[in-house]
């Protein structure tokens, strides 16, 4: 299996549809049996339902570029390519996105932000996203650009700082 950095600042495998991962079902509470509230993968300390889950299901929108970046990391972690595509700026969005189900996202560090506040039009977020694939640990270190489009924050592109 080949794992490669992909457009969008995270890892993906091309030309292979991803199945709905069981871990997302557990995070969302769609698994059999009682499930304790899970912490959001983005690292805020809130539950997924209180944090990025609201953005993923469309009941809330990102107020800042950093919040959008965290929600996109969580979308990679729970296997939600539809949210990733919907939160991508129309000028840089790919037609499709296949996530690699073998990649497990293990942590997010937001290192710095510029702009991207409530009333800003553009912003950047420097982050390090940690992953594990095939027993090998790695990290994606990137400075991502965000811009408002249609009133909401969208991911534009990123520069790898690895």
N, C-alpha and C. Protein backbone atom coordinates (compact mmCIF):
# COMPACT_ATOMS: atom_id res chain seq x y z
N UNK A 1 0.85 -1.18 0.00
CA UNK A 1 0.00 0.00 0.00
C UNK A 1 0.89 1.23 0.00
N UNK A 2 0.57 2.16 -0.85
CA UNK A 2 1.34 3.40 -0.86
C UNK A 2 0.52 4.51 -0.25
N UNK A 3 1.12 5.20 0.69
CA UNK A 3 0.48 6.35 1.34
C UNK A 3 1.28 7.56 0.93
N UNK A 4 0.60 8.59 0.51
CA UNK A 4 1.30 9.78 0.05
C UNK A 4 0.60 11.03 0.55
N UNK A 5 1.37 12.12 0.74
CA UNK A 5 0.70 13.37 1.05
C UNK A 5 -0.20 13.75 -0.12
N UNK A 6 -1.36 14.26 0.18
CA UNK A 6 -2.32 14.60 -0.87
C UNK A 6 -2.75 16.05 -0.73
N UNK A 7 -3.29 16.57 -1.82
CA UNK A 7 -3.86 17.90 -1.78
C UNK A 7 -4.85 17.98 -0.64
N UNK A 8 -4.82 19.04 0.09
CA UNK A 8 -5.74 19.17 1.21
C UNK A 8 -5.04 18.98 2.52
N UNK A 9 -3.73 18.77 2.47
CA UNK A 9 -2.94 18.76 3.67
C UNK A 9 -2.98 17.50 4.49
N UNK A 10 -3.59 16.45 4.01
CA UNK A 10 -3.63 15.21 4.77
C UNK A 10 -3.30 14.07 3.82
N UNK A 11 -3.32 12.85 4.30
CA UNK A 11 -2.98 11.72 3.47
C UNK A 11 -4.22 11.12 2.83
N UNK A 12 -4.06 10.70 1.61
CA UNK A 12 -5.14 10.03 0.90
C UNK A 12 -4.52 9.03 -0.06
N UNK A 13 -5.32 8.05 -0.47
CA UNK A 13 -4.88 7.10 -1.47
C UNK A 13 -5.77 7.33 -2.67
N UNK A 14 -5.16 7.46 -3.84
CA UNK A 14 -5.96 7.77 -5.01
C UNK A 14 -6.57 6.51 -5.61
N UNK A 15 -7.68 6.68 -6.30
CA UNK A 15 -8.36 5.64 -7.06
C UNK A 15 -8.81 4.45 -6.22
N UNK A 16 -9.14 4.63 -4.98
CA UNK A 16 -9.68 3.54 -4.16
C UNK A 16 -10.77 4.11 -3.28
N UNK A 17 -12.00 3.71 -3.51
CA UNK A 17 -13.07 4.24 -2.67
C UNK A 17 -12.89 3.79 -1.23
N UNK A 18 -13.19 4.66 -0.31
CA UNK A 18 -13.06 4.30 1.10
C UNK A 18 -14.40 3.85 1.65
N UNK A 19 -14.38 2.86 2.49
CA UNK A 19 -15.59 2.37 3.14
C UNK A 19 -15.89 3.26 4.34
N UNK A 20 -17.13 3.21 4.79
CA UNK A 20 -17.50 3.97 5.98
C UNK A 20 -16.79 3.32 7.17
N UNK A 21 -15.80 3.97 7.76
CA UNK A 21 -15.02 3.33 8.81
C UNK A 21 -15.82 3.10 10.09
N UNK A 22 -15.59 1.97 10.71
CA UNK A 22 -16.26 1.63 11.96
C UNK A 22 -15.96 2.69 13.02
N UNK A 23 -14.71 3.22 13.04
CA UNK A 23 -14.38 4.20 14.07
C UNK A 23 -15.26 5.44 13.97
N UNK A 24 -15.68 5.84 12.76
CA UNK A 24 -16.59 6.98 12.63
C UNK A 24 -17.95 6.62 13.20
N UNK A 25 -18.39 5.39 12.95
CA UNK A 25 -19.67 4.96 13.50
C UNK A 25 -19.64 5.04 15.02
N UNK A 26 -18.53 4.67 15.61
CA UNK A 26 -18.41 4.73 17.07
C UNK A 26 -18.38 6.18 17.53
N UNK A 27 -17.60 7.04 16.84
CA UNK A 27 -17.52 8.45 17.21
C UNK A 27 -18.89 9.10 17.13
N UNK A 28 -19.65 8.75 16.10
CA UNK A 28 -20.95 9.37 15.91
C UNK A 28 -22.05 8.70 16.72
N UNK A 29 -21.72 7.61 17.41
CA UNK A 29 -22.71 6.91 18.21
C UNK A 29 -23.62 6.02 17.40
N UNK A 30 -23.20 5.61 16.20
CA UNK A 30 -24.01 4.77 15.34
C UNK A 30 -23.64 3.30 15.48
N UNK A 31 -22.83 2.95 16.44
CA UNK A 31 -22.38 1.59 16.64
C UNK A 31 -23.39 0.87 17.53
N UNK A 32 -23.33 -0.46 17.55
CA UNK A 32 -24.20 -1.24 18.43
C UNK A 32 -23.82 -0.98 19.87
N UNK A 33 -24.83 -0.89 20.72
CA UNK A 33 -24.59 -0.77 22.15
C UNK A 33 -24.34 0.65 22.58
N UNK A 34 -24.30 0.85 23.90
CA UNK A 34 -24.06 2.19 24.44
C UNK A 34 -22.63 2.65 24.15
N UNK A 35 -22.51 3.92 23.83
CA UNK A 35 -21.20 4.51 23.52
C UNK A 35 -21.03 5.75 24.37
N UNK A 36 -19.96 5.80 25.12
CA UNK A 36 -19.66 7.00 25.90
C UNK A 36 -19.32 8.12 24.93
N UNK A 37 -19.65 9.37 25.26
CA UNK A 37 -19.28 10.49 24.38
C UNK A 37 -17.76 10.50 24.16
N UNK A 38 -17.38 10.60 22.92
CA UNK A 38 -15.97 10.60 22.54
C UNK A 38 -15.48 12.02 22.41
N UNK A 39 -14.24 12.23 22.79
CA UNK A 39 -13.62 13.54 22.61
C UNK A 39 -13.43 13.80 21.12
N UNK A 40 -13.53 15.04 20.74
CA UNK A 40 -13.36 15.42 19.35
C UNK A 40 -11.90 15.18 18.93
N UNK A 41 -11.68 14.62 17.74
CA UNK A 41 -10.32 14.39 17.28
C UNK A 41 -9.48 15.66 17.17
N UNK A 42 -10.11 16.82 17.05
CA UNK A 42 -9.36 18.07 16.83
C UNK A 42 -8.60 18.55 18.04
N UNK A 43 -8.89 17.97 19.21
CA UNK A 43 -8.08 18.28 20.40
C UNK A 43 -8.59 19.41 21.27
N UNK A 44 -9.80 19.89 21.08
CA UNK A 44 -10.30 20.98 21.91
C UNK A 44 -10.66 20.52 23.32
N UNK A 45 -10.90 19.22 23.48
CA UNK A 45 -11.35 18.70 24.76
C UNK A 45 -12.85 18.53 24.84
N UNK A 46 -13.58 19.10 23.89
CA UNK A 46 -15.04 18.93 23.81
C UNK A 46 -15.36 17.57 23.21
N UNK A 47 -16.61 17.15 23.36
CA UNK A 47 -17.02 15.94 22.68
C UNK A 47 -17.16 16.24 21.19
N UNK A 48 -17.12 15.18 20.39
CA UNK A 48 -17.28 15.33 18.95
C UNK A 48 -18.62 16.02 18.63
N UNK A 49 -19.69 15.62 19.31
CA UNK A 49 -21.01 16.20 19.05
C UNK A 49 -21.06 17.69 19.39
N UNK A 50 -20.32 18.11 20.40
CA UNK A 50 -20.29 19.53 20.81
C UNK A 50 -19.34 20.36 19.95
N UNK A 51 -18.45 19.70 19.25
CA UNK A 51 -17.37 20.40 18.54
C UNK A 51 -17.54 20.23 17.03
N UNK A 52 -16.68 19.48 16.41
CA UNK A 52 -16.66 19.36 14.96
C UNK A 52 -17.85 18.60 14.38
N UNK A 53 -18.48 17.76 15.17
CA UNK A 53 -19.66 17.05 14.69
C UNK A 53 -20.74 17.99 14.22
N UNK A 54 -20.89 19.14 14.89
CA UNK A 54 -21.90 20.14 14.51
C UNK A 54 -21.58 20.74 13.14
N UNK A 55 -20.29 20.90 12.84
CA UNK A 55 -19.91 21.41 11.53
C UNK A 55 -20.09 20.34 10.47
N UNK A 56 -19.71 19.11 10.80
CA UNK A 56 -19.83 18.01 9.84
C UNK A 56 -21.27 17.73 9.46
N UNK A 57 -22.19 17.86 10.40
CA UNK A 57 -23.59 17.56 10.07
C UNK A 57 -24.36 18.79 9.59
N UNK A 58 -23.70 19.95 9.51
CA UNK A 58 -24.30 21.15 8.94
C UNK A 58 -25.12 21.98 9.90
N UNK A 59 -25.15 21.64 11.19
CA UNK A 59 -25.93 22.44 12.14
C UNK A 59 -25.18 23.67 12.61
N UNK A 60 -23.88 23.77 12.27
CA UNK A 60 -23.08 24.95 12.61
C UNK A 60 -22.07 25.17 11.50
N UNK A 61 -21.53 26.38 11.44
CA UNK A 61 -20.46 26.69 10.49
C UNK A 61 -19.25 27.20 11.27
N UNK A 62 -18.10 27.09 10.65
CA UNK A 62 -16.86 27.54 11.29
C UNK A 62 -16.86 29.06 11.42
N UNK A 63 -16.57 29.54 12.62
CA UNK A 63 -16.53 30.98 12.86
C UNK A 63 -15.17 31.58 12.51
N UNK A 64 -14.12 30.76 12.53
CA UNK A 64 -12.76 31.23 12.26
C UNK A 64 -12.06 30.24 11.34
N UNK A 65 -10.95 30.68 10.75
CA UNK A 65 -10.14 29.80 9.91
C UNK A 65 -9.61 28.62 10.74
N UNK A 66 -9.20 28.88 11.97
CA UNK A 66 -8.70 27.80 12.81
C UNK A 66 -9.79 26.76 13.09
N UNK A 67 -11.00 27.20 13.34
CA UNK A 67 -12.08 26.26 13.60
C UNK A 67 -12.35 25.40 12.36
N UNK A 68 -12.28 26.01 11.17
CA UNK A 68 -12.46 25.23 9.94
C UNK A 68 -11.33 24.22 9.79
N UNK A 69 -10.08 24.65 10.08
CA UNK A 69 -8.96 23.75 9.96
C UNK A 69 -9.11 22.56 10.91
N UNK A 70 -9.52 22.83 12.15
CA UNK A 70 -9.73 21.75 13.12
C UNK A 70 -10.85 20.81 12.64
N UNK A 71 -11.90 21.37 12.08
CA UNK A 71 -13.01 20.53 11.60
C UNK A 71 -12.57 19.68 10.41
N UNK A 72 -11.69 20.20 9.59
CA UNK A 72 -11.18 19.42 8.46
C UNK A 72 -10.28 18.29 8.96
N UNK A 73 -9.45 18.56 9.96
CA UNK A 73 -8.65 17.48 10.55
C UNK A 73 -9.58 16.39 11.08
N UNK A 74 -10.62 16.79 11.81
CA UNK A 74 -11.57 15.82 12.35
C UNK A 74 -12.26 15.04 11.24
N UNK A 75 -12.55 15.70 10.12
CA UNK A 75 -13.18 15.01 8.99
C UNK A 75 -12.25 13.93 8.44
N UNK A 76 -10.96 14.20 8.38
CA UNK A 76 -10.01 13.16 7.99
C UNK A 76 -10.04 12.03 9.02
N UNK A 77 -10.07 12.39 10.30
CA UNK A 77 -10.01 11.40 11.37
C UNK A 77 -11.23 10.49 11.39
N UNK A 78 -12.41 11.04 11.08
CA UNK A 78 -13.64 10.23 11.12
C UNK A 78 -14.03 9.71 9.73
N UNK A 79 -13.26 10.06 8.70
CA UNK A 79 -13.53 9.55 7.36
C UNK A 79 -14.71 10.20 6.69
N UNK A 80 -14.72 11.53 6.59
CA UNK A 80 -15.84 12.27 6.00
C UNK A 80 -15.37 13.09 4.78
N UNK A 81 -15.14 12.43 3.63
CA UNK A 81 -14.67 13.18 2.46
C UNK A 81 -15.69 14.19 1.94
N UNK A 82 -16.98 13.96 2.15
CA UNK A 82 -18.00 14.91 1.69
C UNK A 82 -17.81 16.26 2.37
N UNK A 83 -17.54 16.26 3.68
CA UNK A 83 -17.31 17.51 4.39
C UNK A 83 -16.04 18.18 3.89
N UNK A 84 -15.00 17.39 3.66
CA UNK A 84 -13.74 17.96 3.17
C UNK A 84 -13.96 18.67 1.84
N UNK A 85 -14.67 18.05 0.93
CA UNK A 85 -14.94 18.68 -0.36
C UNK A 85 -15.82 19.91 -0.21
N UNK A 86 -16.83 19.84 0.65
CA UNK A 86 -17.73 20.98 0.85
C UNK A 86 -17.02 22.17 1.49
N UNK A 87 -15.99 21.92 2.27
CA UNK A 87 -15.27 23.00 2.96
C UNK A 87 -14.05 23.48 2.18
N UNK A 88 -13.88 23.01 0.97
CA UNK A 88 -12.77 23.37 0.09
C UNK A 88 -13.20 24.54 -0.78
N UNK A 89 -12.34 25.51 -0.99
CA UNK A 89 -12.64 26.67 -1.83
C UNK A 89 -12.90 26.21 -3.26
N UNK A 90 -13.89 26.79 -3.91
CA UNK A 90 -14.29 26.34 -5.25
C UNK A 90 -13.18 26.47 -6.28
N UNK A 91 -12.23 27.38 -6.07
CA UNK A 91 -11.16 27.57 -7.06
C UNK A 91 -10.06 26.52 -6.97
N UNK A 92 -10.02 25.76 -5.88
CA UNK A 92 -8.95 24.76 -5.72
C UNK A 92 -9.48 23.37 -5.38
N UNK A 93 -10.78 23.21 -5.26
CA UNK A 93 -11.39 21.94 -4.85
C UNK A 93 -11.24 20.87 -5.94
N UNK A 94 -10.77 19.67 -5.56
CA UNK A 94 -10.73 18.58 -6.53
C UNK A 94 -12.14 18.04 -6.78
N UNK A 95 -12.31 17.31 -7.87
CA UNK A 95 -13.63 16.74 -8.17
C UNK A 95 -14.00 15.64 -7.20
N UNK A 96 -13.03 14.84 -6.80
CA UNK A 96 -13.28 13.73 -5.87
C UNK A 96 -12.13 13.66 -4.86
N UNK A 97 -12.37 12.94 -3.79
CA UNK A 97 -11.35 12.74 -2.77
C UNK A 97 -11.56 11.37 -2.16
N UNK A 98 -10.55 10.52 -2.26
CA UNK A 98 -10.59 9.19 -1.67
C UNK A 98 -9.66 9.17 -0.47
N UNK A 99 -10.19 8.89 0.70
CA UNK A 99 -9.39 8.80 1.91
C UNK A 99 -8.85 7.39 2.07
N UNK A 100 -7.67 7.29 2.64
CA UNK A 100 -7.06 5.99 2.88
C UNK A 100 -7.52 5.48 4.24
N UNK A 101 -8.33 4.43 4.28
CA UNK A 101 -8.83 3.94 5.57
C UNK A 101 -7.74 3.32 6.45
N UNK A 102 -6.57 3.06 5.89
CA UNK A 102 -5.47 2.50 6.68
C UNK A 102 -4.75 3.56 7.51
N UNK A 103 -5.02 4.83 7.23
CA UNK A 103 -4.38 5.92 7.97
C UNK A 103 -5.23 6.25 9.19
N UNK A 104 -4.60 6.22 10.36
CA UNK A 104 -5.28 6.58 11.61
C UNK A 104 -4.69 7.90 12.09
N UNK A 105 -5.51 8.91 12.22
CA UNK A 105 -5.05 10.22 12.67
C UNK A 105 -4.97 10.22 14.19
N UNK A 106 -3.82 10.60 14.73
CA UNK A 106 -3.56 10.41 16.16
C UNK A 106 -3.43 11.70 16.96
N UNK A 107 -3.39 12.85 16.33
CA UNK A 107 -3.31 14.08 17.09
C UNK A 107 -3.07 15.30 16.21
N UNK A 108 -3.49 16.43 16.72
CA UNK A 108 -3.35 17.70 16.00
C UNK A 108 -2.72 18.73 16.90
N UNK A 109 -1.75 19.43 16.36
CA UNK A 109 -1.14 20.59 17.04
C UNK A 109 -1.34 21.80 16.16
N UNK A 110 -2.03 22.81 16.65
CA UNK A 110 -2.12 24.08 15.95
C UNK A 110 -0.97 24.92 16.46
N UNK A 111 -0.06 25.28 15.56
CA UNK A 111 1.18 25.96 15.94
C UNK A 111 1.07 27.48 15.87
N UNK A 112 0.33 27.99 14.90
CA UNK A 112 0.15 29.44 14.80
C UNK A 112 -0.98 29.76 13.84
N UNK A 113 -1.51 30.97 13.99
CA UNK A 113 -2.54 31.45 13.07
C UNK A 113 -2.23 32.91 12.73
N UNK A 114 -2.65 33.32 11.54
CA UNK A 114 -2.61 34.73 11.17
C UNK A 114 -3.95 35.06 10.53
N UNK A 115 -4.52 36.20 10.86
CA UNK A 115 -5.83 36.56 10.33
C UNK A 115 -6.84 35.50 10.73
N UNK A 116 -7.83 35.31 9.89
CA UNK A 116 -8.78 34.23 10.08
C UNK A 116 -9.78 34.40 11.21
N UNK A 117 -9.89 35.61 11.75
CA UNK A 117 -10.80 35.86 12.87
C UNK A 117 -12.23 36.03 12.37
N UNK A 118 -13.13 36.30 13.29
CA UNK A 118 -14.56 36.41 12.97
C UNK A 118 -14.87 37.35 11.81
N UNK A 119 -14.20 38.50 11.75
CA UNK A 119 -14.51 39.48 10.72
C UNK A 119 -13.49 39.53 9.58
N UNK A 120 -12.50 38.66 9.61
CA UNK A 120 -11.45 38.64 8.58
C UNK A 120 -11.95 37.97 7.30
N UNK A 121 -11.25 38.25 6.20
CA UNK A 121 -11.60 37.64 4.91
C UNK A 121 -10.65 36.50 4.55
N UNK A 122 -9.43 36.54 5.09
CA UNK A 122 -8.43 35.50 4.82
C UNK A 122 -7.69 35.17 6.10
N UNK A 123 -7.03 34.02 6.10
CA UNK A 123 -6.24 33.63 7.26
C UNK A 123 -5.37 32.43 6.93
N UNK A 124 -4.40 32.18 7.79
CA UNK A 124 -3.55 31.00 7.66
C UNK A 124 -3.51 30.28 9.01
N UNK A 125 -3.29 28.97 8.93
CA UNK A 125 -3.13 28.16 10.12
C UNK A 125 -1.95 27.23 9.88
N UNK A 126 -0.95 27.33 10.74
CA UNK A 126 0.16 26.38 10.70
C UNK A 126 -0.16 25.28 11.70
N UNK A 127 -0.02 24.03 11.24
CA UNK A 127 -0.37 22.90 12.11
C UNK A 127 0.54 21.71 11.84
N UNK A 128 0.49 20.79 12.75
CA UNK A 128 1.13 19.48 12.59
C UNK A 128 0.08 18.43 12.92
N UNK A 129 -0.25 17.58 11.93
CA UNK A 129 -1.23 16.51 12.09
C UNK A 129 -0.48 15.18 12.13
N UNK A 130 -0.64 14.46 13.22
CA UNK A 130 0.07 13.19 13.42
C UNK A 130 -0.79 12.03 12.93
N UNK A 131 -0.13 11.03 12.33
CA UNK A 131 -0.84 9.88 11.78
C UNK A 131 -0.03 8.61 11.98
N UNK A 132 -0.73 7.50 11.81
CA UNK A 132 -0.14 6.17 11.90
C UNK A 132 -0.70 5.36 10.74
N UNK A 133 0.18 4.73 9.96
CA UNK A 133 -0.25 3.91 8.82
C UNK A 133 0.70 2.73 8.68
N UNK A 134 0.16 1.55 8.73
CA UNK A 134 0.99 0.36 8.57
C UNK A 134 2.07 0.25 9.62
N UNK A 135 1.79 0.72 10.82
CA UNK A 135 2.77 0.66 11.90
C UNK A 135 3.82 1.75 11.85
N UNK A 136 3.73 2.64 10.89
CA UNK A 136 4.69 3.74 10.74
C UNK A 136 4.01 5.04 11.16
N UNK A 137 4.66 5.77 12.05
CA UNK A 137 4.13 7.06 12.50
C UNK A 137 4.72 8.18 11.65
N UNK A 138 3.93 9.22 11.46
CA UNK A 138 4.40 10.37 10.71
C UNK A 138 3.60 11.60 11.10
N UNK A 139 3.94 12.70 10.47
CA UNK A 139 3.23 13.96 10.71
C UNK A 139 3.22 14.79 9.44
N UNK A 140 2.12 15.47 9.24
CA UNK A 140 2.00 16.44 8.15
C UNK A 140 2.12 17.82 8.78
N UNK A 141 3.19 18.53 8.45
CA UNK A 141 3.41 19.89 8.96
C UNK A 141 3.11 20.82 7.80
N UNK A 142 2.15 21.71 7.99
CA UNK A 142 1.68 22.52 6.87
C UNK A 142 1.25 23.90 7.34
N UNK A 143 1.35 24.85 6.44
CA UNK A 143 0.75 26.17 6.62
C UNK A 143 -0.38 26.26 5.60
N UNK A 144 -1.62 26.24 6.08
CA UNK A 144 -2.79 26.24 5.20
C UNK A 144 -3.37 27.64 5.07
N UNK A 145 -3.87 27.94 3.86
CA UNK A 145 -4.53 29.21 3.61
C UNK A 145 -6.03 29.01 3.54
N UNK A 146 -6.75 29.96 4.12
CA UNK A 146 -8.21 29.93 4.16
C UNK A 146 -8.75 31.26 3.69
N UNK A 147 -9.92 31.24 3.06
CA UNK A 147 -10.57 32.47 2.62
C UNK A 147 -12.08 32.28 2.75
N UNK A 148 -12.75 33.39 2.91
CA UNK A 148 -14.22 33.33 2.95
C UNK A 148 -14.74 33.21 1.52
N UNK A 149 -15.77 32.39 1.39
CA UNK A 149 -16.45 32.24 0.10
C UNK A 149 -17.93 32.00 0.42
N UNK A 150 -18.79 32.80 -0.15
CA UNK A 150 -20.21 32.67 0.14
C UNK A 150 -20.52 32.88 1.61
N UNK A 151 -19.73 33.69 2.29
CA UNK A 151 -19.94 34.00 3.69
C UNK A 151 -19.31 33.04 4.67
N UNK A 152 -18.81 31.88 4.19
CA UNK A 152 -18.21 30.90 5.10
C UNK A 152 -16.73 30.69 4.81
N UNK A 153 -16.03 30.16 5.79
CA UNK A 153 -14.61 29.86 5.63
C UNK A 153 -14.44 28.64 4.75
N UNK A 154 -13.42 28.69 3.86
CA UNK A 154 -13.09 27.57 2.99
C UNK A 154 -11.57 27.40 2.97
N UNK A 155 -11.14 26.14 2.87
CA UNK A 155 -9.73 25.81 2.70
C UNK A 155 -9.32 26.13 1.27
N UNK A 156 -8.23 26.89 1.09
CA UNK A 156 -7.76 27.24 -0.24
C UNK A 156 -6.64 26.29 -0.67
N UNK A 157 -5.55 26.28 0.08
CA UNK A 157 -4.43 25.40 -0.23
C UNK A 157 -3.45 25.43 0.94
N UNK A 158 -2.39 24.66 0.81
CA UNK A 158 -1.40 24.61 1.88
C UNK A 158 -0.02 24.39 1.34
N UNK A 159 0.95 24.81 2.15
CA UNK A 159 2.35 24.60 1.83
C UNK A 159 2.92 23.67 2.87
N UNK A 160 3.51 22.56 2.39
CA UNK A 160 4.11 21.60 3.30
C UNK A 160 5.38 22.19 3.90
N UNK A 161 5.51 22.06 5.21
CA UNK A 161 6.69 22.57 5.90
C UNK A 161 7.55 21.42 6.44
N UNK A 162 7.25 20.22 5.96
CA UNK A 162 7.94 19.01 6.45
C UNK A 162 9.41 19.19 6.33
